[in-house]
Amino acid sequence: MNKIVVLDGYALNPGDVDWAPLESLGHVTVYDRTDEQDLLERIGDAPVIFTNKTIISKEIIKQCRNLKYIGVLATGYNVVDIEAAKKAGIVVTNIPSYSTAAVAQFTFALLLEITNRVQRHSDAVVVDNRWTTSKDFCFWDYPLIELAGKKIGIIGYGAIGKAVGAIAKGFGLEVLAYSPSLSHQDPDWASLETIYSESDIITLHTPLTESNLGMINKETISKMKDGVIILNTSRGPLINETDLAEALNSDKVYAAGVDVVSVEPIKADNPLLTAKNIIITPHIAWAPLQTRKRLLGIAANNLECFFAGEPINTVS
């Protein structure tokens, strides 16, 4: 029976998802988390491993000579040395498009919290009892912002970016979209310069590459409208966090909502933690139960296709 080792299964399954789809394909050993010093022992002679954020380096690949398959339990696969895997003849797969609906939904959860401050006003009523003592039938103590008629710049227009665009249009937002693969003839297409200069809201949905590392920085922020809103549910290093914090504190950027940061878990000295008007959530846009069940199902199907000699969703 095939030995299958899941190196860091807790984020995907803290206990509310059944591992049965994988267990039907072999003998599965699941570790909640794996430290670097335990990697070789835990992989052992297993031909199949799954990783989410545990790094599989060139050195690990060289030493695990029985390894034939690495399944990444995420869309991003930068945790695996892909070139080393190719040289070793190891198939690496990822999980594309499993979280499109969830991430698009979460993007607007961040945006609507910024524009409506629902929790703040609920706390004012339920916790602070301010409505019971109000002289008027209503009150608000934070600006409320209407979205209709504003422009949203979407950087990265793959499945998630397009889903965000569809929701945005439902709110009456004008969509400006940029992606290297997007045709200039697409009615939503705009240049990055146009997005920076004209958008009221900028939201990031692009894979992290060497060319876009720190793309939101002092220079690009200076091109943006005063009072722009910035959202990131993609990858933390797309933003220079020191520059964003300074822009928030100077009110150049009105507010930001980020579900990802440059180093995760977030470090205590991350400048965003002390910035004004920031919402930070702990990388959970992908994490609804239904989404995680879908992820596991795709992971199991990837492995089943590999066993059948017809691998899919390969990145190596």
Protein backbone atom coordinates (compact mmCIF):
# COMPACT_ATOMS: atom_id res chain seq x y z
CA MET A 1 0.00 0.00 0.00
CA ASN A 2 1.34 3.45 -0.93
CA LYS A 3 2.81 5.42 1.95
CA ILE A 4 1.45 8.96 2.02
CA VAL A 5 2.77 11.55 4.48
CA VAL A 6 1.00 14.86 5.14
CA LEU A 7 3.63 17.11 6.71
CA ASP A 8 1.45 19.99 7.94
CA GLY A 9 -2.20 19.07 7.83
CA TYR A 10 -3.57 21.22 10.66
CA ALA A 11 -4.31 24.39 8.69
CA LEU A 12 -6.32 22.41 6.14
CA ASN A 13 -7.91 20.12 8.68
CA PRO A 14 -7.98 21.12 12.35
CA GLY A 15 -10.48 18.31 12.89
CA ASP A 16 -13.55 19.22 10.83
CA VAL A 17 -12.58 17.54 7.53
CA ASP A 18 -12.40 13.81 6.79
CA TRP A 19 -9.08 12.55 5.38
CA ALA A 20 -10.96 9.69 3.67
CA PRO A 21 -10.30 10.90 0.08
CA LEU A 22 -6.57 10.45 0.67
CA GLU A 23 -6.91 7.37 2.84
CA SER A 24 -8.61 5.57 -0.03
CA LEU A 25 -5.36 5.88 -1.99
CA GLY A 26 -2.84 4.56 0.53
CA HIS A 27 -1.62 4.45 4.11
CA VAL A 28 -1.79 8.06 5.31
CA THR A 29 0.23 9.55 8.17
CA VAL A 30 -0.78 13.09 9.08
CA TYR A 31 1.34 15.49 11.09
CA ASP A 32 -0.18 18.76 12.25
CA ARG A 33 3.12 20.57 11.69
CA THR A 34 6.67 19.54 10.86
CA ASP A 35 9.82 21.38 11.90
CA GLU A 36 12.80 21.39 9.58
CA GLN A 37 14.85 19.08 11.80
CA ASP A 38 12.11 16.43 11.65
CA LEU A 39 11.57 16.45 7.89
CA LEU A 40 13.88 13.63 6.84
CA GLU A 41 12.66 11.28 9.56
CA ARG A 42 9.01 11.95 8.82
CA ILE A 43 9.34 11.63 5.05
CA GLY A 44 11.44 8.49 5.42
CA ASP A 45 10.97 6.20 2.43
CA ALA A 46 7.52 7.54 1.53
CA PRO A 47 7.05 8.01 -2.21
CA VAL A 48 4.26 10.56 -1.67
CA ILE A 49 4.19 13.64 0.52
CA PHE A 50 1.86 16.59 0.89
CA THR A 51 2.92 20.00 2.13
CA ASN A 52 1.15 23.28 2.65
CA LYS A 53 3.78 25.67 3.99
CA THR A 54 6.55 23.25 5.02
CA ILE A 55 9.55 24.00 2.80
CA ILE A 56 10.85 21.17 0.63
CA SER A 57 14.33 22.30 -0.31
CA LYS A 58 16.88 20.99 -2.78
CA GLU A 59 18.74 19.34 0.11
CA ILE A 60 15.63 17.49 1.27
CA ILE A 61 14.85 16.35 -2.27
CA LYS A 62 18.41 15.05 -2.74
CA GLN A 63 18.23 12.97 0.43
CA CYS A 64 14.73 11.54 -0.08
CA ARG A 65 15.59 9.21 -2.94
CA ASN A 66 12.32 7.28 -2.80
CA LEU A 67 10.22 10.42 -3.27
CA LYS A 68 8.15 10.41 -6.45
CA TYR A 69 5.36 12.90 -5.79
CA ILE A 70 4.95 16.17 -3.86
CA GLY A 71 1.43 17.50 -3.53
CA VAL A 72 1.18 21.15 -2.50
CA LEU A 73 -2.01 21.77 -0.53
CA ALA A 74 -2.33 25.29 -1.91
CA THR A 75 -2.24 27.19 -5.17
CA GLY A 76 1.16 28.78 -4.57
CA TYR A 77 4.04 26.30 -4.78
CA ASN A 78 7.09 28.42 -3.91
CA VAL A 79 7.65 26.20 -0.84
CA VAL A 80 9.05 23.50 -3.14
CA ASP A 81 12.33 23.78 -5.05
CA ILE A 82 10.74 23.05 -8.42
CA GLU A 83 14.00 22.85 -10.37
CA ALA A 84 15.42 20.30 -7.94
CA ALA A 85 12.20 18.29 -8.17
CA LYS A 86 12.37 18.29 -11.97
CA LYS A 87 15.96 17.07 -11.94
CA ALA A 88 15.01 14.29 -9.55
CA GLY A 89 12.04 13.26 -11.70
CA ILE A 90 9.55 14.15 -8.95
CA VAL A 91 6.07 15.27 -9.97
CA VAL A 92 4.84 18.34 -8.09
CA THR A 93 1.19 19.35 -8.19
CA ASN A 94 -0.79 22.23 -6.78
CA ILE A 95 -4.45 23.06 -6.19
CA PRO A 96 -5.69 25.68 -8.66
CA SER A 97 -8.99 27.57 -8.46
CA TYR A 98 -10.31 25.88 -5.32
CA SER A 99 -10.78 29.11 -3.36
CA THR A 100 -12.03 31.52 -6.03
CA ALA A 101 -15.45 32.16 -4.50
CA ALA A 102 -14.16 32.30 -0.93
CA VAL A 103 -11.35 34.77 -1.63
CA ALA A 104 -13.57 37.02 -3.74
CA GLN A 105 -16.14 37.02 -0.93
CA PHE A 106 -13.47 37.80 1.66
CA THR A 107 -12.10 40.66 -0.42
CA PHE A 108 -15.47 42.34 -0.14
CA ALA A 109 -15.74 41.48 3.54
CA LEU A 110 -12.60 43.59 4.04
CA LEU A 111 -13.85 46.35 1.78
CA LEU A 112 -17.31 46.53 3.36
CA GLU A 113 -15.84 46.61 6.85
CA ILE A 114 -13.73 49.59 5.78
CA THR A 115 -16.64 51.40 4.12
CA ASN A 116 -19.39 50.60 6.64
CA ARG A 117 -17.66 49.67 9.92
CA VAL A 118 -20.44 47.27 10.84
CA GLN A 119 -18.62 45.73 13.82
CA ARG A 120 -17.62 49.12 15.23
CA HIS A 121 -21.19 50.37 15.15
CA SER A 122 -22.61 47.11 16.48
CA ASP A 123 -20.20 47.30 19.42
CA ALA A 124 -21.33 50.88 20.03
CA VAL A 125 -24.88 49.58 20.38
CA VAL A 126 -24.44 46.18 22.05
CA VAL A 127 -21.32 46.71 24.14
CA ASP A 128 -21.32 50.45 24.89
CA ASN A 129 -25.13 50.97 24.97
CA ARG A 130 -24.76 54.22 23.05
CA TRP A 131 -27.99 53.85 21.07
CA THR A 132 -30.11 53.60 24.20
CA THR A 133 -28.85 57.04 25.27
CA SER A 134 -28.88 58.61 21.81
CA LYS A 135 -30.94 61.77 21.30
CA ASP A 136 -31.50 60.81 17.67
CA PHE A 137 -32.93 57.77 15.93
CA CYS A 138 -29.49 56.99 14.49
CA PHE A 139 -25.83 57.89 14.90
CA TRP A 140 -22.48 57.07 13.34
CA ASP A 141 -19.04 57.93 14.52
CA TYR A 142 -17.02 56.81 11.53
CA PRO A 143 -17.31 57.83 7.85
CA LEU A 144 -19.68 55.69 5.81
CA ILE A 145 -18.69 55.32 2.16
CA GLU A 146 -20.92 54.44 -0.79
CA LEU A 147 -19.23 52.25 -3.40
CA ALA A 148 -21.45 52.92 -6.41
CA GLY A 149 -19.74 55.08 -9.00
CA LYS A 150 -16.22 54.55 -7.67
CA LYS A 151 -13.39 52.85 -9.55
CA ILE A 152 -11.79 49.61 -8.37
CA GLY A 153 -8.41 48.63 -9.77
CA ILE A 154 -7.87 44.87 -9.83
CA ILE A 155 -4.25 43.81 -10.24
CA GLY A 156 -4.25 40.18 -11.33
CA TYR A 157 -7.23 39.14 -13.43
CA GLY A 158 -7.27 35.38 -13.21
CA ALA A 159 -10.17 33.43 -11.76
CA ILE A 160 -10.20 35.29 -8.44
CA GLY A 161 -9.65 38.71 -9.98
CA LYS A 162 -12.51 38.15 -12.42
CA ALA A 163 -14.79 36.96 -9.60
CA VAL A 164 -13.96 40.13 -7.67
CA GLY A 165 -14.70 42.14 -10.81
CA ALA A 166 -18.12 40.53 -11.21
CA ILE A 167 -19.04 41.32 -7.60
CA ALA A 168 -17.69 44.85 -7.97
CA LYS A 169 -19.94 45.53 -10.94
CA GLY A 170 -22.89 44.38 -8.86
CA PHE A 171 -22.06 47.15 -6.39
CA GLY A 172 -21.95 49.69 -9.20
CA LEU A 173 -18.17 49.98 -9.25
CA GLU A 174 -16.27 50.64 -12.45
CA VAL A 175 -13.66 47.92 -12.95
CA LEU A 176 -10.12 48.65 -14.11
CA ALA A 177 -8.21 45.38 -14.47
CA TYR A 178 -4.58 44.61 -15.18
CA SER A 179 -2.89 41.29 -15.83
CA PRO A 180 0.04 40.55 -18.14
CA SER A 181 -2.12 37.97 -19.91
CA LEU A 182 -5.20 40.20 -20.25
CA SER A 183 -5.91 41.40 -23.77
CA HIS A 184 -5.92 45.14 -24.30
CA GLN A 185 -9.18 44.61 -26.13
CA ASP A 186 -10.85 43.34 -22.95
CA PRO A 187 -13.36 45.99 -21.84
CA ASP A 188 -12.01 45.87 -18.28
CA TRP A 189 -8.33 46.26 -19.25
CA ALA A 190 -6.33 49.18 -17.92
CA SER A 191 -2.63 49.83 -17.59
CA LEU A 192 -0.99 49.71 -14.19
CA GLU A 193 -0.36 53.45 -14.45
CA THR A 194 -4.07 54.06 -15.00
CA ILE A 195 -4.99 51.82 -12.10
CA TYR A 196 -2.58 53.63 -9.80
CA SER A 197 -3.75 57.09 -10.83
CA GLU A 198 -7.51 56.62 -11.19
CA SER A 199 -8.62 53.93 -8.74
CA ASP A 200 -10.48 54.69 -5.53
CA ILE A 201 -9.82 51.10 -4.43
CA ILE A 202 -6.90 48.87 -5.43
CA THR A 203 -7.06 45.14 -4.76
CA LEU A 204 -4.28 42.60 -5.35
CA HIS A 205 -4.96 39.16 -6.85
CA THR A 206 -1.70 38.40 -8.66
CA PRO A 207 0.80 35.60 -8.04
CA LEU A 208 4.03 36.73 -6.39
CA THR A 209 6.95 36.94 -8.82
CA GLU A 210 10.39 38.52 -8.77
CA SER A 211 9.08 41.35 -10.95
CA ASN A 212 6.17 42.36 -8.71
CA LEU A 213 7.84 41.95 -5.31
CA GLY A 214 7.01 45.08 -3.32
CA MET A 215 4.96 46.55 -6.18
CA ILE A 216 2.94 48.61 -3.71
CA ASN A 217 5.60 50.95 -2.41
CA LYS A 218 6.35 54.62 -1.78
CA GLU A 219 6.75 55.35 -5.49
CA THR A 220 3.57 53.64 -6.67
CA ILE A 221 1.55 54.95 -3.73
CA SER A 222 2.63 58.49 -4.66
CA LYS A 223 0.85 58.00 -8.00
CA MET A 224 -2.42 57.04 -6.33
CA LYS A 225 -5.36 59.23 -5.40
CA ASP A 226 -5.32 60.74 -1.95
CA GLY A 227 -7.60 58.58 0.20
CA VAL A 228 -7.22 55.39 -1.83
CA ILE A 229 -8.19 52.07 -0.22
CA ILE A 230 -5.75 49.16 -0.67
CA LEU A 231 -6.69 45.48 -0.26
CA ASN A 232 -4.47 42.39 -0.38
CA THR A 233 -5.75 38.82 -0.24
CA SER A 234 -2.98 37.48 -2.47
CA ARG A 235 0.60 37.46 -1.13
CA GLY A 236 2.07 39.67 1.56
CA PRO A 237 5.38 40.52 -0.16
CA LEU A 238 3.50 42.31 -2.95
CA ILE A 239 3.42 45.25 -0.51
CA ASN A 240 6.30 47.14 1.02
CA GLU A 241 4.77 47.22 4.50
CA THR A 242 6.89 50.08 5.82
CA ASP A 243 5.82 52.27 2.91
CA LEU A 244 2.16 51.33 3.30
CA ALA A 245 2.25 52.03 7.03
CA GLU A 246 3.73 55.48 6.38
CA ALA A 247 1.05 56.19 3.77
CA LEU A 248 -1.69 55.14 6.18
CA ASN A 249 -0.29 57.27 8.98
CA SER A 250 -0.03 60.30 6.70
CA ASP A 251 -3.59 59.74 5.37
CA LYS A 252 -2.34 59.38 1.79
CA VAL A 253 -3.97 55.94 1.93
CA TYR A 254 -7.36 56.15 3.64
CA ALA A 255 -7.46 52.53 4.76
CA ALA A 256 -6.07 49.09 4.00
CA GLY A 257 -7.38 45.58 4.49
CA VAL A 258 -4.89 42.73 4.28
CA ASP A 259 -5.30 39.01 4.84
CA VAL A 260 -1.63 38.31 4.15
CA VAL A 261 1.66 39.80 5.31
CA SER A 262 5.30 39.43 4.31
CA VAL A 263 6.18 36.95 7.09
CA GLU A 264 3.52 34.64 8.53
CA PRO A 265 2.66 34.34 11.35
CA ILE A 266 2.99 38.11 11.58
CA LYS A 267 6.02 39.41 13.47
CA ALA A 268 5.53 41.68 16.48
CA ASP A 269 7.54 44.44 14.78
CA ASN A 270 5.54 44.48 11.54
CA PRO A 271 4.89 48.19 10.88
CA LEU A 272 1.29 47.54 9.84
CA LEU A 273 0.40 46.52 13.40
CA THR A 274 0.72 50.12 14.56
CA ALA A 275 -0.55 51.85 11.41
CA LYS A 276 -3.76 53.88 11.31
CA ASN A 277 -6.96 52.52 9.76
CA ILE A 278 -5.69 49.04 9.01
CA ILE A 279 -7.58 45.76 9.10
CA ILE A 280 -5.38 42.65 9.31
CA THR A 281 -6.77 39.13 9.27
CA PRO A 282 -4.67 35.95 9.72
CA HIS A 283 -4.61 34.52 6.16
CA ILE A 284 -8.11 33.06 6.31
CA ALA A 285 -9.71 34.08 3.01
CA TRP A 286 -9.20 30.52 1.74
CA ALA A 287 -10.46 28.77 4.87
CA PRO A 288 -14.25 28.23 4.83
CA LEU A 289 -15.11 24.58 5.51
CA GLN A 290 -16.57 24.05 2.06
CA THR A 291 -13.43 25.47 0.46
CA ARG A 292 -11.10 23.25 2.47
CA LYS A 293 -13.18 20.15 1.62
CA ARG A 294 -12.90 21.11 -2.04
CA LEU A 295 -9.13 21.52 -1.68
CA LEU A 296 -8.74 18.05 -0.19
CA GLY A 297 -10.89 16.54 -2.91
CA ILE A 298 -8.73 18.12 -5.62
CA ALA A 299 -5.56 16.99 -3.83
CA ALA A 300 -6.81 13.41 -3.73
CA ASN A 301 -7.81 13.55 -7.40
CA ASN A 302 -4.37 14.91 -8.31
CA LEU A 303 -2.76 11.93 -6.61
CA GLU A 304 -5.18 9.43 -8.12
CA CYS A 305 -4.38 10.75 -11.61
CA PHE A 306 -0.66 10.49 -10.84
CA PHE A 307 -1.08 6.85 -9.82
CA ALA A 308 -2.98 6.27 -13.07
CA GLY A 309 -0.03 7.65 -15.05
CA GLU A 310 -1.88 10.79 -16.15
CA PRO A 311 -0.84 13.53 -13.70
CA ILE A 312 -2.79 16.80 -13.70
CA ASN A 313 -2.23 20.22 -12.15
CA THR A 314 1.52 19.66 -12.43
CA VAL A 315 4.00 22.47 -11.79
CA SER A 316 7.19 20.44 -12.37
